[in-house]
PDB file of N, CA and C in Angstrom:
ATOM      1  N   MET A   1       1.582  14.059  38.793  1.00  0.00           N
ATOM      2  CA  MET A   1       1.213  13.269  40.177  1.00  0.00           C
ATOM      3  C   MET A   1       1.093  14.003  41.138  1.00  0.00           C
ATOM      4  N   PHE A   2      -0.094  14.139  42.024  1.00  0.00           N
ATOM      5  CA  PHE A   2      -0.361  14.781  42.852  1.00  0.00           C
ATOM      6  C   PHE A   2       0.524  14.375  44.167  1.00  0.00           C
ATOM      7  N   GLY A   3       0.813  15.747  45.194  1.00  0.00           N
ATOM      8  CA  GLY A   3       1.450  15.111  46.111  1.00  0.00           C
ATOM      9  C   GLY A   3       3.111  15.042  46.073  1.00  0.00           C
ATOM     10  N   THR A   4       3.628  15.680  44.943  1.00  0.00           N
ATOM     11  CA  THR A   4       4.786  15.220  44.972  1.00  0.00           C
ATOM     12  C   THR A   4       5.668  16.458  45.672  1.00  0.00           C
ATOM     13  N   LEU A   5       7.033  15.802  46.398  1.00  0.00           N
ATOM     14  CA  LEU A   5       7.738  17.093  46.887  1.00  0.00           C
ATOM     15  C   LEU A   5       8.919  17.632  45.733  1.00  0.00           C
ATOM     16  N   THR A   6       8.721  18.848  45.723  1.00  0.00           N
ATOM     17  CA  THR A   6       9.870  19.768  45.038  1.00  0.00           C
ATOM     18  C   THR A   6      10.926  19.404  45.751  1.00  0.00           C
ATOM     19  N   HIS A   7      12.199  19.863  45.228  1.00  0.00           N
ATOM     20  CA  HIS A   7      13.541  19.787  45.883  1.00  0.00           C
ATOM     21  C   HIS A   7      13.406  20.393  47.396  1.00  0.00           C
ATOM     22  N   TRP A   8      13.080  21.710  47.370  1.00  0.00           N
ATOM     23  CA  TRP A   8      13.165  22.730  48.492  1.00  0.00           C
ATOM     24  C   TRP A   8      12.247  22.249  49.553  1.00  0.00           C
ATOM     25  N   MET A   9      11.142  21.601  49.020  1.00  0.00           N
ATOM     26  CA  MET A   9       9.966  20.758  49.996  1.00  0.00           C
ATOM     27  C   MET A   9      10.820  19.488  50.569  1.00  0.00           C
ATOM     28  N   GLU A  10      11.236  19.068  49.991  1.00  0.00           N
ATOM     29  CA  GLU A  10      11.868  17.639  50.588  1.00  0.00           C
ATOM     30  C   GLU A  10      13.245  18.264  51.385  1.00  0.00           C
ATOM     31  N   VAL A  11      14.040  19.313  51.095  1.00  0.00           N
ATOM     32  CA  VAL A  11      15.035  19.775  52.168  1.00  0.00           C
ATOM     33  C   VAL A  11      14.368  20.333  53.168  1.00  0.00           C
ATOM     34  N   ALA A  12      13.492  20.692  53.213  1.00  0.00           N
ATOM     35  CA  ALA A  12      12.532  21.158  54.340  1.00  0.00           C
ATOM     36  C   ALA A  12      12.070  20.270  55.316  1.00  0.00           C
ATOM     37  N   MET A  13      11.623  19.166  54.484  1.00  0.00           N
ATOM     38  CA  MET A  13      11.089  17.811  55.310  1.00  0.00           C
ATOM     39  C   MET A  13      12.145  17.238  55.992  1.00  0.00           C
ATOM     40  N   TRP A  14      13.120  17.308  55.137  1.00  0.00           N
ATOM     41  CA  TRP A  14      14.495  16.598  55.949  1.00  0.00           C
ATOM     42  C   TRP A  14      14.975  17.349  57.394  1.00  0.00           C
ATOM     43  N   VAL A  15      15.085  18.920  56.792  1.00  0.00           N
ATOM     44  CA  VAL A  15      15.427  19.416  58.353  1.00  0.00           C
ATOM     45  C   VAL A  15      14.403  19.152  59.624  1.00  0.00           C
ATOM     46  N   VAL A  16      13.050  19.116  58.950  1.00  0.00           N
ATOM     47  CA  VAL A  16      11.908  18.578  60.442  1.00  0.00           C
ATOM     48  C   VAL A  16      12.457  17.501  60.607  1.00  0.00           C
ATOM     49  N   MET A  17      12.608  16.663  60.129  1.00  0.00           N
ATOM     50  CA  MET A  17      12.745  15.043  60.351  1.00  0.00           C
ATOM     51  C   MET A  17      13.799  15.019  61.071  1.00  0.00           C
ATOM     52  N   GLY A  18      15.270  15.688  60.658  1.00  0.00           N
ATOM     53  CA  GLY A  18      16.340  15.760  61.598  1.00  0.00           C
ATOM     54  C   GLY A  18      16.334  16.453  62.619  1.00  0.00           C
ATOM     55  N   SER A  19      15.496  17.846  62.710  1.00  0.00           N
ATOM     56  CA  SER A  19      15.381  18.355  63.936  1.00  0.00           C
ATOM     57  C   SER A  19      14.517  17.120  65.095  1.00  0.00           C
ATOM     58  N   MET A  20      13.815  16.814  64.489  1.00  0.00           N
ATOM     59  CA  MET A  20      12.742  15.675  65.603  1.00  0.00           C
ATOM     60  C   MET A  20      13.727  14.573  66.308  1.00  0.00           C
ATOM     61  N   ALA A  21      14.500  13.956  65.223  1.00  0.00           N
ATOM     62  CA  ALA A  21      15.560  12.754  65.422  1.00  0.00           C
ATOM     63  C   ALA A  21      16.590  13.299  66.396  1.00  0.00           C
ATOM     64  N   LEU A  22      17.393  14.635  66.505  1.00  0.00           N
ATOM     65  CA  LEU A  22      17.829  15.219  67.197  1.00  0.00           C
ATOM     66  C   LEU A  22      17.355  15.431  68.577  1.00  0.00           C
ATOM     67  N   ASP A  23      15.923  15.745  68.748  1.00  0.00           N
ATOM     68  CA  ASP A  23      15.386  16.010  69.969  1.00  0.00           C
ATOM     69  C   ASP A  23      15.230  14.832  70.636  1.00  0.00           C
ATOM     70  N   LEU A  24      14.761  13.463  69.652  1.00  0.00           N
ATOM     71  CA  LEU A  24      14.827  12.630  70.272  1.00  0.00           C
ATOM     72  C   LEU A  24      15.884  12.007  70.865  1.00  0.00           C
ATOM     73  N   VAL A  25      17.056  11.978  70.261  1.00  0.00           N
ATOM     74  CA  VAL A  25      18.251  11.536  70.772  1.00  0.00           C
ATOM     75  C   VAL A  25      18.652  12.135  71.905  1.00  0.00           C
ATOM     76  N   ILE A  26      18.494  13.296  72.360  1.00  0.00           N
ATOM     77  CA  ILE A  26      18.709  14.285  73.283  1.00  0.00           C
ATOM     78  C   ILE A  26      18.186  13.650  74.685  1.00  0.00           C
ATOM     79  N   GLY A  27      16.662  13.509  74.277  1.00  0.00           N
ATOM     80  CA  GLY A  27      15.739  12.870  75.250  1.00  0.00           C
ATOM     81  C   GLY A  27      16.126  11.704  75.908  1.00  0.00           C
ATOM     82  N   LEU A  28      16.682  10.518  74.827  1.00  0.00           N
ATOM     83  CA  LEU A  28      16.763   9.177  75.040  1.00  0.00           C
ATOM     84  C   LEU A  28      18.085   9.453  76.076  1.00  0.00           C
ATOM     85  N   PHE A  29      19.133  10.108  75.497  1.00  0.00           N
ATOM     86  CA  PHE A  29      20.180  10.311  76.280  1.00  0.00           C
ATOM     87  C   PHE A  29      20.033  10.864  77.959  1.00  0.00           C
ATOM     88  N   LYS A  30      19.430  11.698  77.975  1.00  0.00           N
ATOM     89  CA  LYS A  30      18.839  12.636  79.333  1.00  0.00           C
ATOM     90  C   LYS A  30      18.105  11.415  80.271  1.00  0.00           C
ATOM     91  N   SER A  31      16.964  10.685  79.424  1.00  0.00           N
ATOM     92  CA  SER A  31      16.141   9.709  79.841  1.00  0.00           C
ATOM     93  C   SER A  31      17.379   8.702  80.501  1.00  0.00           C
ATOM     94  N   MET A  32      17.991   8.109  79.886  1.00  0.00           N
ATOM     95  CA  MET A  32      19.302   6.980  80.243  1.00  0.00           C
ATOM     96  C   MET A  32      20.197   7.269  81.151  1.00  0.00           C
ATOM     97  N   SER A  33      20.548   8.470  81.047  1.00  0.00           N
ATOM     98  CA  SER A  33      21.608   8.879  82.232  1.00  0.00           C
ATOM     99  C   SER A  33      20.893   9.402  83.553  1.00  0.00           C
ATOM    100  N   GLY A  34      19.494   9.576  83.251  1.00  0.00           N
ATOM    101  CA  GLY A  34      18.788   9.898  84.376  1.00  0.00           C
ATOM    102  C   GLY A  34      18.199   8.391  84.932  1.00  0.00           C
ATOM    103  N   GLY A  35      18.325   7.434  84.435  1.00  0.00           N
ATOM    104  CA  GLY A  35      17.671   6.244  84.719  1.00  0.00           C
ATOM    105  C   GLY A  35      16.279   6.021  84.835  1.00  0.00           C
ATOM    106  N   LYS A  36      15.456   6.669  84.120  1.00  0.00           N
ATOM    107  CA  LYS A  36      14.236   6.554  83.639  1.00  0.00           C
ATOM    108  C   LYS A  36      13.708   6.656  82.420  1.00  0.00           C
ATOM    109  N   LEU A  37      13.795   5.403  81.978  1.00  0.00           N
ATOM    110  CA  LEU A  37      13.332   5.323  80.615  1.00  0.00           C
ATOM    111  C   LEU A  37      11.766   5.295  80.518  1.00  0.00           C
ATOM    112  N   SER A  38      10.956   5.863  79.574  1.00  0.00           N
ATOM    113  CA  SER A  38       9.837   5.660  79.561  1.00  0.00           C
ATOM    114  C   SER A  38       9.457   5.251  78.235  1.00  0.00           C
ATOM    115  N   HIS A  39       8.021   4.771  78.328  1.00  0.00           N
ATOM    116  CA  HIS A  39       7.586   4.497  76.752  1.00  0.00           C
ATOM    117  C   HIS A  39       6.731   5.957  76.294  1.00  0.00           C
ATOM    118  N   GLU A  40       6.850   7.036  76.995  1.00  0.00           N
ATOM    119  CA  GLU A  40       5.945   8.107  76.829  1.00  0.00           C
ATOM    120  C   GLU A  40       7.020   9.051  75.663  1.00  0.00           C
ATOM    121  N   LEU A  41       8.248   8.463  75.984  1.00  0.00           N
ATOM    122  CA  LEU A  41       9.030   9.347  75.031  1.00  0.00           C
ATOM    123  C   LEU A  41       9.066   9.021  73.464  1.00  0.00           C
ATOM    124  N   VAL A  42       8.885   8.039  73.466  1.00  0.00           N
ATOM    125  CA  VAL A  42       8.658   7.327  71.814  1.00  0.00           C
ATOM    126  C   VAL A  42       7.228   7.930  71.421  1.00  0.00           C
ATOM    127  N   LEU A  43       6.330   7.642  72.488  1.00  0.00           N
ATOM    128  CA  LEU A  43       4.392   7.674  71.938  1.00  0.00           C
ATOM    129  C   LEU A  43       4.934   9.255  71.696  1.00  0.00           C
ATOM    130  N   GLY A  44       5.548  10.146  72.213  1.00  0.00           N
ATOM    131  CA  GLY A  44       5.374  11.578  72.063  1.00  0.00           C
ATOM    132  C   GLY A  44       6.060  12.007  70.596  1.00  0.00           C
ATOM    133  N   TYR A  45       6.885  11.344  70.207  1.00  0.00           N
ATOM    134  CA  TYR A  45       7.355  11.489  69.013  1.00  0.00           C
ATOM    135  C   TYR A  45       6.119  10.835  67.778  1.00  0.00           C
ATOM    136  N   LEU A  46       5.532   9.656  68.095  1.00  0.00           N
ATOM    137  CA  LEU A  46       4.771   9.447  67.237  1.00  0.00           C
ATOM    138  C   LEU A  46       3.441  10.337  67.202  1.00  0.00           C
ATOM    139  N   LYS A  47       2.762  10.980  68.155  1.00  0.00           N
ATOM    140  CA  LYS A  47       2.120  11.759  68.378  1.00  0.00           C
ATOM    141  C   LYS A  47       2.454  13.003  67.607  1.00  0.00           C
ATOM    142  N   ASP A  48       3.776  13.634  67.673  1.00  0.00           N
ATOM    143  CA  ASP A  48       3.988  14.524  66.989  1.00  0.00           C
ATOM    144  C   ASP A  48       4.278  14.670  65.387  1.00  0.00           C
ATOM    145  N   MET A  49       4.466  13.421  65.115  1.00  0.00           N
ATOM    146  CA  MET A  49       4.347  12.876  63.439  1.00  0.00           C
ATOM    147  C   MET A  49       3.050  12.901  62.978  1.00  0.00           C
ATOM    148  N   VAL A  50       2.017  12.829  63.878  1.00  0.00           N
ATOM    149  CA  VAL A  50       0.654  12.897  63.221  1.00  0.00           C
ATOM    150  C   VAL A  50       0.442  14.509  63.238  1.00  0.00           C
ATOM    151  N   TYR A  51       0.558  15.161  64.518  1.00  0.00           N
ATOM    152  CA  TYR A  51       0.313  16.440  64.578  1.00  0.00           C
ATOM    153  C   TYR A  51       1.225  17.459  63.673  1.00  0.00           C
ATOM    154  N   TYR A  52       2.304  17.186  63.196  1.00  0.00           N
ATOM    155  CA  TYR A  52       3.395  17.928  62.729  1.00  0.00           C
ATOM    156  C   TYR A  52       3.749  17.752  61.156  1.00  0.00           C
ATOM    157  N   VAL A  53       4.071  16.101  60.999  1.00  0.00           N
ATOM    158  CA  VAL A  53       4.569  15.868  59.777  1.00  0.00           C
ATOM    159  C   VAL A  53       3.214  15.679  58.869  1.00  0.00           C
ATOM    160  N   LEU A  54       2.377  14.941  59.087  1.00  0.00           N
ATOM    161  CA  LEU A  54       1.211  14.522  58.368  1.00  0.00           C
ATOM    162  C   LEU A  54       0.242  15.839  57.592  1.00  0.00           C
ATOM    163  N   PRO A  55       0.446  17.171  58.498  1.00  0.00           N
ATOM    164  CA  PRO A  55      -0.669  17.979  57.965  1.00  0.00           C
ATOM    165  C   PRO A  55       0.782  18.919  56.926  1.00  0.00           C
ATOM    166  N   LEU A  56       1.941  18.680  57.048  1.00  0.00           N
ATOM    167  CA  LEU A  56       2.853  19.149  55.875  1.00  0.00           C
ATOM    168  C   LEU A  56       2.803  18.178  54.660  1.00  0.00           C
ATOM    169  N   PHE A  57       2.384  16.990  54.894  1.00  0.00           N
ATOM    170  CA  PHE A  57       2.485  16.248  53.720  1.00  0.00           C
ATOM    171  C   PHE A  57       1.350  16.467  52.924  1.00  0.00           C
ATOM    172  N   MET A  58       0.098  16.964  53.725  1.00  0.00           N
ATOM    173  CA  MET A  58      -1.126  17.338  53.380  1.00  0.00           C
ATOM    174  C   MET A  58      -1.323  18.785  52.587  1.00  0.00           C
ATOM    175  N   LEU A  59      -0.215  19.623  53.034  1.00  0.00           N
ATOM    176  CA  LEU A  59      -0.128  20.876  52.172  1.00  0.00           C
ATOM    177  C   LEU A  59       0.780  20.307  51.141  1.00  0.00           C
ATOM    178  N   ALA A  60       1.497  19.546  51.152  1.00  0.00           N
ATOM    179  CA  ALA A  60       2.332  18.980  49.751  1.00  0.00           C
ATOM    180  C   ALA A  60       1.360  18.619  48.734  1.00  0.00           C
ATOM    181  N   GLY A  61       0.703  17.597  49.330  1.00  0.00           N
ATOM    182  CA  GLY A  61      -0.656  17.594  47.950  1.00  0.00           C
ATOM    183  C   GLY A  61      -1.552  18.396  47.768  1.00  0.00           C
ATOM    184  N   LEU A  62      -1.856  19.577  48.429  1.00  0.00           N
ATOM    185  CA  LEU A  62      -2.849  20.212  48.084  1.00  0.00           C
ATOM    186  C   LEU A  62      -2.035  21.790  47.270  1.00  0.00           C
ATOM    187  N   ALA A  63      -0.667  21.446  47.237  1.00  0.00           N
ATOM    188  CA  ALA A  63      -0.253  22.331  46.453  1.00  0.00           C
ATOM    189  C   ALA A  63      -0.201  22.212  44.771  1.00  0.00           C
ATOM    190  N   ALA A  64      -0.391  20.916  44.429  1.00  0.00           N
ATOM    191  CA  ALA A  64      -0.635  20.599  43.095  1.00  0.00           C
ATOM    192  C   ALA A  64      -2.076  21.346  42.658  1.00  0.00           C
ATOM    193  N   MET A  65      -2.548  21.486  43.470  1.00  0.00           N
ATOM    194  CA  MET A  65      -3.842  22.211  43.187  1.00  0.00           C
ATOM    195  C   MET A  65      -4.145  23.470  43.140  1.00  0.00           C
ATOM    196  N   ASP A  66      -3.112  24.095  44.110  1.00  0.00           N
ATOM    197  CA  ASP A  66      -3.079  25.404  44.179  1.00  0.00           C
ATOM    198  C   ASP A  66      -2.985  26.543  43.011  1.00  0.00           C
ATOM    199  N   VAL A  67      -3.904  27.230  42.535  1.00  0.00           N
ATOM    200  CA  VAL A  67      -4.053  27.967  41.374  1.00  0.00           C
ATOM    201  C   VAL A  67      -2.866  28.811  41.411  1.00  0.00           C
ATOM    202  N   THR A  68      -2.723  29.784  42.354  1.00  0.00           N
ATOM    203  CA  THR A  68      -1.642  30.950  42.402  1.00  0.00           C
ATOM    204  C   THR A  68      -0.301  30.099  42.410  1.00  0.00           C
ATOM    205  N   GLY A  69      -0.680  29.133  43.034  1.00  0.00           N
ATOM    206  CA  GLY A  69       1.432  28.564  42.847  1.00  0.00           C
ATOM    207  C   GLY A  69       2.034  28.903  44.019  1.00  0.00           C
ATOM    208  N   TRP A  70       1.925  29.659  45.112  1.00  0.00           N
ATOM    209  CA  TRP A  70       2.646  30.441  46.074  1.00  0.00           C
ATOM    210  C   TRP A  70       1.969  30.064  47.346  1.00  0.00           C
ATOM    211  N   VAL A  71       0.612  30.066  47.426  1.00  0.00           N
ATOM    212  CA  VAL A  71      -0.076  30.401  48.819  1.00  0.00           C
ATOM    213  C   VAL A  71       0.060  29.099  49.684  1.00  0.00           C
ATOM    214  N   VAL A  72      -0.115  27.817  48.918  1.00  0.00           N
ATOM    215  CA  VAL A  72       0.131  26.559  49.911  1.00  0.00           C
ATOM    216  C   VAL A  72       1.621  26.358  50.036  1.00  0.00           C
ATOM    217  N   LEU A  73       2.396  26.732  49.310  1.00  0.00           N
ATOM    218  CA  LEU A  73       4.145  26.245  49.595  1.00  0.00           C
ATOM    219  C   LEU A  73       4.208  27.561  50.377  1.00  0.00           C
ATOM    220  N   VAL A  74       3.876  28.893  50.918  1.00  0.00           N
ATOM    221  CA  VAL A  74       4.206  29.427  51.764  1.00  0.00           C
ATOM    222  C   VAL A  74       3.637  29.243  53.273  1.00  0.00           C
ATOM    223  N   GLY A  75       2.742  28.421  53.168  1.00  0.00           N
ATOM    224  CA  GLY A  75       2.067  27.798  54.481  1.00  0.00           C
ATOM    225  C   GLY A  75       2.955  26.329  54.678  1.00  0.00           C
ATOM    226  N   TYR A  76       3.595  25.924  53.734  1.00  0.00           N
ATOM    227  CA  TYR A  76       4.010  24.562  53.593  1.00  0.00           C
ATOM    228  C   TYR A  76       5.502  24.953  54.412  1.00  0.00           C
ATOM    229  N   TYR A  77       6.331  26.056  53.976  1.00  0.00           N
ATOM    230  CA  TYR A  77       7.388  26.149  54.552  1.00  0.00           C
ATOM    231  C   TYR A  77       7.197  27.209  55.749  1.00  0.00           C
ATOM    232  N   LEU A  78       6.267  27.515  56.391  1.00  0.00           N
ATOM    233  CA  LEU A  78       5.987  28.404  57.654  1.00  0.00           C
ATOM    234  C   LEU A  78       5.724  27.439  58.667  1.00  0.00           C
ATOM    235  N   GLY A  79       5.179  26.533  58.176  1.00  0.00           N
ATOM    236  CA  GLY A  79       4.496  25.294  58.953  1.00  0.00           C
ATOM    237  C   GLY A  79       5.803  24.454  59.354  1.00  0.00           C
ATOM    238  N   ALA A  80       6.828  24.454  58.321  1.00  0.00           N
ATOM    239  CA  ALA A  80       8.099  23.273  58.394  1.00  0.00           C
ATOM    240  C   ALA A  80       8.863  24.110  59.335  1.00  0.00           C
ATOM    241  N   LEU A  81       9.011  25.809  59.096  1.00  0.00           N
ATOM    242  CA  LEU A  81       9.808  26.525  59.999  1.00  0.00           C
ATOM    243  C   LEU A  81       9.181  26.376  61.606  1.00  0.00           C
ATOM    244  N   ALA A  82       8.085  26.622  61.809  1.00  0.00           N
ATOM    245  CA  ALA A  82       7.234  26.677  62.821  1.00  0.00           C
ATOM    246  C   ALA A  82       7.847  25.238  63.721  1.00  0.00           C
ATOM    247  N   VAL A  83       7.936  24.120  63.015  1.00  0.00           N
ATOM    248  CA  VAL A  83       8.278  22.980  63.814  1.00  0.00           C
ATOM    249  C   VAL A  83       9.422  22.841  64.103  1.00  0.00           C
ATOM    250  N   VAL A  84      10.523  23.368  63.114  1.00  0.00           N
ATOM    251  CA  VAL A  84      11.729  23.236  63.519  1.00  0.00           C
ATOM    252  C   VAL A  84      12.047  24.277  64.759  1.00  0.00           C
ATOM    253  N   VAL A  85      11.445  25.254  64.842  1.00  0.00           N
ATOM    254  CA  VAL A  85      11.958  26.064  65.732  1.00  0.00           C
ATOM    255  C   VAL A  85      11.112  25.742  67.291  1.00  0.00           C
ATOM    256  N   LYS A  86      10.170  25.078  67.231  1.00  0.00           N
ATOM    257  CA  LYS A  86       9.804  24.172  68.345  1.00  0.00           C
ATOM    258  C   LYS A  86      10.366  23.379  68.709  1.00  0.00           C
ATOM    259  N   TYR A  87      11.194  22.840  67.987  1.00  0.00           N
ATOM    260  CA  TYR A  87      12.136  21.402  68.486  1.00  0.00           C
ATOM    261  C   TYR A  87      13.538  22.132  68.897  1.00  0.00           C
ATOM    262  N   LEU A  88      13.747  23.008  67.916  1.00  0.00           N
ATOM    263  CA  LEU A  88      14.931  23.922  68.629  1.00  0.00           C
ATOM    264  C   LEU A  88      14.615  24.626  70.051  1.00  0.00           C
ATOM    265  N   MET A  89      13.727  24.819  70.484  1.00  0.00           N
ATOM    266  CA  MET A  89      13.231  25.345  71.777  1.00  0.00           C
ATOM    267  C   MET A  89      13.300  24.219  72.579  1.00  0.00           C
ATOM    268  N   ASP A  90      12.587  23.275  72.425  1.00  0.00           N
ATOM    269  CA  ASP A  90      12.703  22.061  73.093  1.00  0.00           C
ATOM    270  C   ASP A  90      13.869  21.452  73.643  1.00  0.00           C
ATOM    271  N   MET A  91      15.194  21.397  72.226  1.00  0.00           N
ATOM    272  CA  MET A  91      16.652  21.175  72.753  1.00  0.00           C
ATOM    273  C   MET A  91      17.142  21.949  73.871  1.00  0.00           C
ATOM    274  N   LYS A  92      16.812  23.248  73.562  1.00  0.00           N
ATOM    275  CA  LYS A  92      17.483  24.212  74.417  1.00  0.00           C
ATOM    276  C   LYS A  92      17.116  23.948  75.777  1.00  0.00           C
ATOM    277  N   SER A  93      15.974  23.731  76.228  1.00  0.00           N
ATOM    278  CA  SER A  93      15.157  23.344  77.042  1.00  0.00           C
ATOM    279  C   SER A  93      15.647  22.188  78.065  1.00  0.00           C
ATOM    280  N   LYS A  94      16.244  21.355  77.088  1.00  0.00           N
ATOM    281  CA  LYS A  94      16.810  19.600  77.628  1.00  0.00           C
ATOM    282  C   LYS A  94      18.176  19.877  78.018  1.00  0.00           C
ATOM    283  N   LEU A  95      19.192  20.767  77.099  1.00  0.00           N
ATOM    284  CA  LEU A  95      20.384  21.050  77.789  1.00  0.00           C
ATOM    285  C   LEU A  95      20.575  22.017  78.574  1.00  0.00           C
TER     286      LEU A  95
END
C-alpha cells in the first residue's frame, strides 16, 4: 500500500501534532486570560495543517516510490524537525 507510515514516521507525526496542540493550548490560555478571544487563532492552526502537515503526508506517500529508500525519509524527518522547532520557538515567545 502506498503512503503507509512506518513506526518512526508515525512517532514523528505525533510529535509534530503534539507540539501544534500544545502551542494551541498556550495560545488559547493567553487569549482567554487577556480577554480577547479571536477566530484567527484557530484559523492559523488550520492553515498550518495545510502548510506543514499535508506536505509531510505527501512525503510519506512518496517514500514508497523512492528507489534509494532514504532520500525522501531524510526530507520527511527534517521537515518534521523543522516544524517542531518552529512551534517550540513560538511557545517560547508566548511564554
